[in-house]
Protein backbone atom coordinates (compact mmCIF):
# COMPACT_ATOMS: atom_id res chain seq x y z
CA MET A 1 13.01 12.56 -2.57
CA ILE A 2 16.05 10.28 -3.12
CA TYR A 3 16.14 7.94 -6.12
CA PRO A 4 17.75 4.63 -5.24
CA GLU A 5 20.52 3.55 -7.57
CA SER A 6 19.60 1.27 -10.49
CA LEU A 7 20.99 -2.28 -10.51
CA LYS A 8 23.64 -3.79 -12.76
CA LEU A 9 24.35 -7.39 -13.79
CA GLY A 10 25.80 -9.44 -10.93
CA ASP A 11 24.28 -7.35 -8.18
CA TYR A 12 22.95 -9.16 -5.09
CA VAL A 13 19.28 -8.61 -4.39
CA GLY A 14 16.95 -9.70 -1.53
CA LEU A 15 13.86 -11.79 -2.08
CA ILE A 16 11.26 -11.36 0.65
CA ALA A 17 7.66 -12.34 1.31
CA PRO A 18 6.28 -9.67 3.66
CA SER A 19 2.70 -10.92 3.42
CA GLY A 20 1.28 -14.25 2.15
CA CYS A 21 3.22 -17.48 1.72
CA ILE A 22 4.32 -18.73 -1.67
CA ASN A 23 4.13 -22.25 -3.03
CA ASN A 24 7.29 -24.14 -3.95
CA THR A 25 6.67 -24.06 -7.69
CA LYS A 26 6.14 -20.27 -7.85
CA PHE A 27 9.11 -19.72 -5.43
CA GLU A 28 11.40 -21.69 -7.74
CA LEU A 29 10.18 -19.71 -10.73
CA ALA A 30 10.82 -16.46 -8.83
CA VAL A 31 14.36 -17.49 -8.14
CA GLN A 32 14.86 -18.52 -11.75
CA GLY A 33 13.53 -15.08 -12.79
CA ILE A 34 16.19 -13.32 -10.65
CA ASN A 35 18.90 -15.52 -12.17
CA MET A 36 17.61 -14.79 -15.71
CA LEU A 37 17.88 -11.11 -14.98
CA GLY A 38 21.54 -11.57 -14.28
CA LEU A 39 21.17 -10.85 -10.55
CA LYS A 40 22.23 -12.90 -7.53
CA PRO A 41 19.49 -13.69 -5.00
CA ILE A 42 19.77 -13.53 -1.27
CA ILE A 43 16.68 -15.33 -0.03
CA GLY A 44 14.82 -14.19 3.09
CA GLN A 45 13.61 -16.74 5.62
CA SER A 46 10.01 -15.62 4.90
CA CYS A 47 10.22 -17.17 1.41
CA TYR A 48 10.63 -20.60 2.99
CA GLU A 49 8.08 -20.44 5.76
CA LYS A 50 4.34 -20.89 6.13
CA TYR A 51 2.30 -19.81 9.14
CA GLY A 52 -1.36 -20.21 8.22
CA TYR A 53 -1.77 -17.89 5.26
CA PHE A 54 1.32 -15.87 6.18
CA ALA A 55 4.93 -16.37 4.99
CA GLY A 56 6.11 -17.17 8.48
CA GLU A 57 5.32 -15.40 11.78
CA ASP A 58 5.22 -11.63 11.98
CA CYS A 59 8.69 -11.25 13.43
CA THR A 60 10.22 -13.33 10.68
CA ARG A 61 8.61 -11.28 7.90
CA ALA A 62 9.60 -7.99 9.52
CA GLU A 63 13.17 -9.08 10.24
CA ASP A 64 13.58 -9.98 6.60
CA ILE A 65 12.82 -6.40 5.61
CA ASN A 66 15.13 -4.98 8.25
CA PHE A 67 17.94 -7.36 7.37
CA MET A 68 17.75 -6.76 3.58
CA PHE A 69 17.97 -2.93 4.04
CA LYS A 70 20.76 -3.20 6.58
CA GLU A 71 22.89 -5.71 4.66
CA LYS A 72 25.33 -3.69 2.56
CA ILE A 73 25.80 -6.34 -0.14
CA VAL A 74 22.08 -6.23 -1.02
CA ARG A 75 21.48 -3.57 -3.72
CA GLY A 76 17.75 -4.11 -4.29
CA ILE A 77 14.77 -5.77 -2.59
CA PHE A 78 12.02 -7.66 -4.44
CA CYS A 79 8.77 -8.72 -2.76
CA ILE A 80 7.79 -12.00 -4.38
CA ARG A 81 4.07 -11.77 -3.78
CA GLY A 82 1.33 -9.94 -1.89
CA GLY A 83 -1.61 -11.55 -0.16
CA TYR A 84 -2.23 -10.26 3.38
CA GLY A 85 0.11 -9.59 6.27
CA SER A 86 1.97 -6.28 5.84
CA GLN A 87 -0.39 -4.47 8.25
CA ARG A 88 0.64 -6.91 11.00
CA ILE A 89 4.33 -6.11 10.70
CA ILE A 90 4.37 -2.39 9.90
CA ASP A 91 5.09 -1.50 13.56
CA LYS A 92 8.02 -3.95 13.67
CA ILE A 93 9.89 -2.38 10.75
CA ASN A 94 13.00 -0.36 11.65
CA TRP A 95 12.45 2.82 9.70
CA ASP A 96 15.80 4.35 10.83
CA ILE A 97 17.65 1.44 9.13
CA ILE A 98 15.62 1.88 5.97
CA LYS A 99 16.14 5.64 5.92
CA THR A 100 19.91 5.32 6.11
CA ASN A 101 20.07 2.59 3.47
CA PRO A 102 17.96 3.65 0.51
CA LYS A 103 17.61 0.80 -2.03
CA LEU A 104 15.47 -0.27 -4.96
CA PHE A 105 12.28 -1.67 -3.42
CA MET A 106 9.74 -3.48 -5.73
CA GLY A 107 6.26 -4.95 -5.23
CA TYR A 108 2.57 -4.02 -5.05
CA SER A 109 -0.89 -4.92 -3.65
CA ASP A 110 -0.50 -5.72 0.07
CA ILE A 111 2.93 -4.11 -0.09
CA THR A 112 1.22 -0.71 -0.50
CA VAL A 113 1.45 0.28 3.18
CA ILE A 114 5.24 -0.42 3.14
CA HIS A 115 5.66 1.71 -0.01
CA ASN A 116 3.79 4.59 1.51
CA MET A 117 5.73 4.51 4.77
CA ILE A 118 9.13 4.35 3.02
CA ASN A 119 8.07 7.35 0.93
CA GLN A 120 6.79 9.34 3.87
CA LYS A 121 9.17 8.28 6.65
CA CYS A 122 12.37 7.56 4.73
CA GLY A 123 12.25 9.99 1.90
CA PHE A 124 13.03 7.80 -1.10
CA ILE A 125 11.24 6.51 -4.12
CA THR A 126 9.94 2.97 -4.38
CA TYR A 127 8.36 1.07 -7.22
CA HIS A 128 4.84 -0.32 -7.62
CA SER A 129 5.82 -3.21 -9.79
CA PRO A 130 4.98 -6.73 -10.95
CA MET A 131 6.24 -9.46 -8.65
CA LEU A 132 8.53 -12.43 -9.42
CA GLY A 133 6.20 -14.90 -7.76
CA VAL A 134 3.11 -13.63 -9.55
CA GLU A 135 3.42 -11.94 -12.98
CA PHE A 136 6.84 -13.48 -13.76
CA CYS A 137 5.28 -16.94 -13.31
CA LYS A 138 2.55 -16.33 -15.94
CA PRO A 139 2.97 -17.87 -19.48
CA ASP A 140 1.37 -14.74 -20.98
CA LEU A 141 3.84 -12.26 -19.46
CA ASP A 142 3.97 -9.48 -21.99
CA LEU A 143 6.62 -7.19 -23.44
CA LEU A 144 5.15 -3.90 -22.04
CA THR A 145 5.35 -5.33 -18.47
CA LEU A 146 8.92 -6.44 -19.00
CA GLU A 147 10.11 -3.23 -20.57
CA SER A 148 8.58 -1.04 -17.90
CA PHE A 149 10.09 -3.22 -15.15
CA PHE A 150 13.56 -3.31 -16.76
CA HIS A 151 13.52 0.48 -17.32
CA TYR A 152 13.29 1.22 -13.58
CA VAL A 153 15.41 -1.65 -12.41
CA PHE A 154 18.31 -1.34 -14.77
CA LEU A 155 18.20 1.68 -16.99
CA ASN A 156 16.99 5.01 -15.66
CA PRO A 157 15.07 5.07 -12.37
CA LYS A 158 15.38 8.83 -12.29
CA SER A 159 13.40 9.45 -15.45
CA ARG A 160 10.18 11.40 -15.04
CA PHE A 161 7.00 9.37 -15.40
CA ASN A 162 5.03 10.76 -18.36
CA LEU A 163 2.00 9.38 -20.06
CA ASP A 164 0.85 10.49 -23.47
CA LEU A 165 -2.89 9.84 -23.58
CA ASN A 166 -2.88 10.02 -27.38
CA LYS A 167 -0.84 6.75 -27.44
CA CYS A 168 -2.72 4.90 -24.75
CA ASP A 169 -6.17 3.30 -24.42
CA ILE A 170 -7.03 5.37 -21.31
CA GLU A 171 -10.31 6.89 -20.28
CA THR A 172 -10.70 10.47 -19.00
CA ILE A 173 -13.21 10.86 -16.16
CA VAL A 174 -12.44 14.44 -15.29
CA LYS A 175 -10.31 16.44 -17.70
CA GLY A 176 -7.30 18.45 -16.51
CA ASN A 177 -3.50 18.15 -16.37
CA ILE A 178 -2.22 15.94 -13.58
CA SER A 179 1.11 16.88 -12.10
CA GLY A 180 2.67 16.19 -8.70
CA VAL A 181 4.18 13.57 -6.46
CA LEU A 182 2.72 10.08 -6.98
CA THR A 183 1.34 8.12 -4.02
CA GLY A 184 -1.15 5.29 -3.47
CA GLY A 185 -1.61 1.69 -4.42
CA ASN A 186 -4.19 -0.81 -3.30
CA LEU A 187 -7.44 0.88 -2.16
CA SER A 188 -8.28 -1.75 0.47
CA VAL A 189 -4.87 -1.53 2.09
CA ILE A 190 -4.95 2.33 2.03
CA THR A 191 -8.37 2.53 3.73
CA SER A 192 -7.43 -0.06 6.36
CA SER A 193 -4.58 2.22 7.47
CA LEU A 194 -6.69 5.31 7.98
CA GLY A 195 -6.70 6.58 11.56
CA THR A 196 -3.39 4.91 12.37
CA ASP A 197 0.23 6.13 12.49
CA TYR A 198 0.63 4.53 9.05
CA GLU A 199 -2.11 6.28 7.10
CA ILE A 200 -1.33 7.74 3.69
CA CYS A 201 -0.51 11.43 3.19
CA THR A 202 -2.30 12.71 0.11
CA ASP A 203 -2.02 16.52 0.38
CA ASN A 204 -0.75 17.97 -2.91
CA LYS A 205 -0.21 14.45 -4.31
CA VAL A 206 -1.35 12.49 -7.30
CA LEU A 207 -3.32 9.50 -6.00
CA PHE A 208 -3.06 6.10 -7.80
CA LEU A 209 -5.64 3.49 -6.88
CA GLU A 210 -6.33 -0.14 -7.85
CA ASP A 211 -7.95 -3.21 -6.28
CA ILE A 212 -8.97 -6.84 -6.76
CA GLY A 213 -11.90 -9.09 -5.78
CA GLU A 214 -14.04 -6.35 -4.18
CA GLU A 215 -17.80 -5.92 -4.85
CA PRO A 216 -18.72 -2.57 -6.41
CA TYR A 217 -20.53 -1.42 -3.27
CA LYS A 218 -17.41 -2.14 -1.27
CA ILE A 219 -15.31 -0.08 -3.65
CA ASP A 220 -17.92 2.72 -3.22
CA ARG A 221 -17.72 2.43 0.56
CA LYS A 222 -13.92 2.60 0.62
CA LEU A 223 -13.83 5.61 -1.72
CA ASN A 224 -16.33 7.39 0.51
CA GLN A 225 -14.16 6.50 3.49
CA LEU A 226 -11.26 8.20 1.82
CA LYS A 227 -13.40 11.27 1.04
CA ASN A 228 -14.82 11.49 4.58
CA ALA A 229 -11.35 11.12 6.03
CA LYS A 230 -10.53 14.23 3.99
CA LYS A 231 -7.87 12.40 1.98
CA LEU A 232 -9.20 13.71 -1.29
CA ASP A 233 -9.52 17.42 -0.34
CA LYS A 234 -6.05 18.52 -1.45
CA ILE A 235 -5.06 15.97 -4.07
CA LYS A 236 -3.69 17.15 -7.44
CA GLY A 237 -5.38 14.45 -9.38
CA VAL A 238 -6.22 10.77 -9.58
CA ILE A 239 -5.04 7.90 -11.80
CA LEU A 240 -6.94 4.58 -11.68
CA GLY A 241 -5.53 1.19 -12.57
CA TYR A 242 -7.13 -2.23 -12.82
CA TRP A 243 -10.19 -3.24 -10.79
CA THR A 244 -9.80 -6.95 -11.27
CA ASN A 245 -12.74 -9.19 -10.56
CA CYS A 246 -14.52 -6.23 -8.94
CA ASN A 247 -17.87 -6.62 -10.78
CA SER A 248 -20.90 -8.18 -9.17
CA SER A 249 -23.46 -10.88 -10.11
CA ILE A 250 -25.95 -9.32 -7.70
CA LYS A 251 -29.12 -8.08 -9.37
CA ASP A 252 -29.36 -4.29 -9.80
CA SER A 253 -25.72 -3.82 -8.74
CA PHE A 254 -23.73 -1.00 -10.35
CA ASN A 255 -20.69 -2.20 -12.18
CA VAL A 256 -17.37 -1.05 -10.90
CA ASN A 257 -16.71 1.34 -13.81
CA GLN A 258 -20.00 3.19 -13.03
CA VAL A 259 -19.04 3.42 -9.32
CA LEU A 260 -15.71 4.95 -10.24
CA TYR A 261 -17.11 7.26 -12.87
CA ASP A 262 -19.89 8.62 -10.61
CA PHE A 263 -17.57 9.02 -7.62
CA PHE A 264 -14.72 10.80 -9.30
CA LYS A 265 -17.02 12.99 -11.33
CA SER A 266 -18.39 14.22 -8.02
CA ILE A 267 -14.91 14.86 -6.59
CA LYS A 268 -14.16 17.22 -9.49
CA LYS A 269 -10.40 16.49 -9.51
CA PRO A 270 -8.53 15.61 -12.77
CA CYS A 271 -8.94 11.84 -13.11
CA ILE A 272 -8.02 9.29 -15.71
CA ALA A 273 -8.80 5.55 -15.61
CA LYS A 274 -7.72 2.23 -17.11
CA ILE A 275 -4.00 2.65 -16.56
CA LYS A 276 -2.42 -0.71 -17.24
CA CYS A 277 -1.27 -1.24 -13.69
CA GLY A 278 -2.36 -3.57 -10.93
CA HIS A 279 -3.70 -7.11 -10.73
CA ASP A 280 -3.64 -7.94 -14.44
CA LEU A 281 -1.37 -7.94 -17.49
CA PRO A 282 0.19 -5.72 -18.78
CA ASN A 283 1.31 -4.43 -15.40
CA ILE A 284 3.55 -1.41 -15.80
CA THR A 285 5.94 -0.32 -13.10
CA ILE A 286 5.28 3.17 -11.65
CA PRO A 287 7.56 5.22 -9.25
CA LEU A 288 5.82 5.96 -5.98
CA GLY A 289 7.16 9.19 -4.41
CA ALA A 290 8.32 10.55 -7.78
CA ASN A 291 7.05 13.62 -9.62
CA ILE A 292 4.80 12.63 -12.47
CA ASN A 293 3.11 14.57 -15.26
CA ILE A 294 0.09 13.52 -17.35
CA ALA A 295 -1.21 15.81 -20.07
CA ASN A 296 -5.00 15.25 -19.85
């Protein structure tokens, strides 16, 4: 796998909205965030448009991605928010352009399917990271989130991802060392791609999963869909992030932690939970497509 080059002060970067539209206030804060980082924004048309709950029509959002990878002056690409919409444009993305122009690519949530396809089709590492129109707009943005983000954007994107469990408030579900190439992201997005040309490859990989706003029984259903699609047969291990607003007020419902614990105990693969990554703060940046090692 290729590591894209890190950025330096004064570099031009693309801002795009491949999924949901962004309101003016958060958009302005996202641009301010890029300027405060010492970078120069080139703003995609999708950042200005609204088509229902999308950031413009499908062709507009796809063309932004193609343009930002093709444009030589652009050194990195930041998705400013998630939402919904990447599944609608995945067949309109020019993977040949992306493969021949590897660049820093940042985002998470609905961006999951784009991350996985860049890793699988184009052979370079991307970053599951906080977004300028979401986390960077929050008044309680924390130091851990910022340090992790800066590390991969500016300092050393080629450093191996290691996690010392003795220094982290992380829960072990199934003990065992976890080592391999990291893949994954949002569970709902991953399961919605199964059976298509854009489904995730998990063989001999470490699978990262997170989600937001799903009832525990829906999380259970999606996990079993992954299992029945044989996506968990050959994985090296599992790391679980946040499951934000995924508990239920329904009487007699399992809570989401019990669903995760029961399911991954039955899978019998090394598994740790409560990584600070996903739809909450802190939200650390992790390198998708990179080799990772977790002593568990």
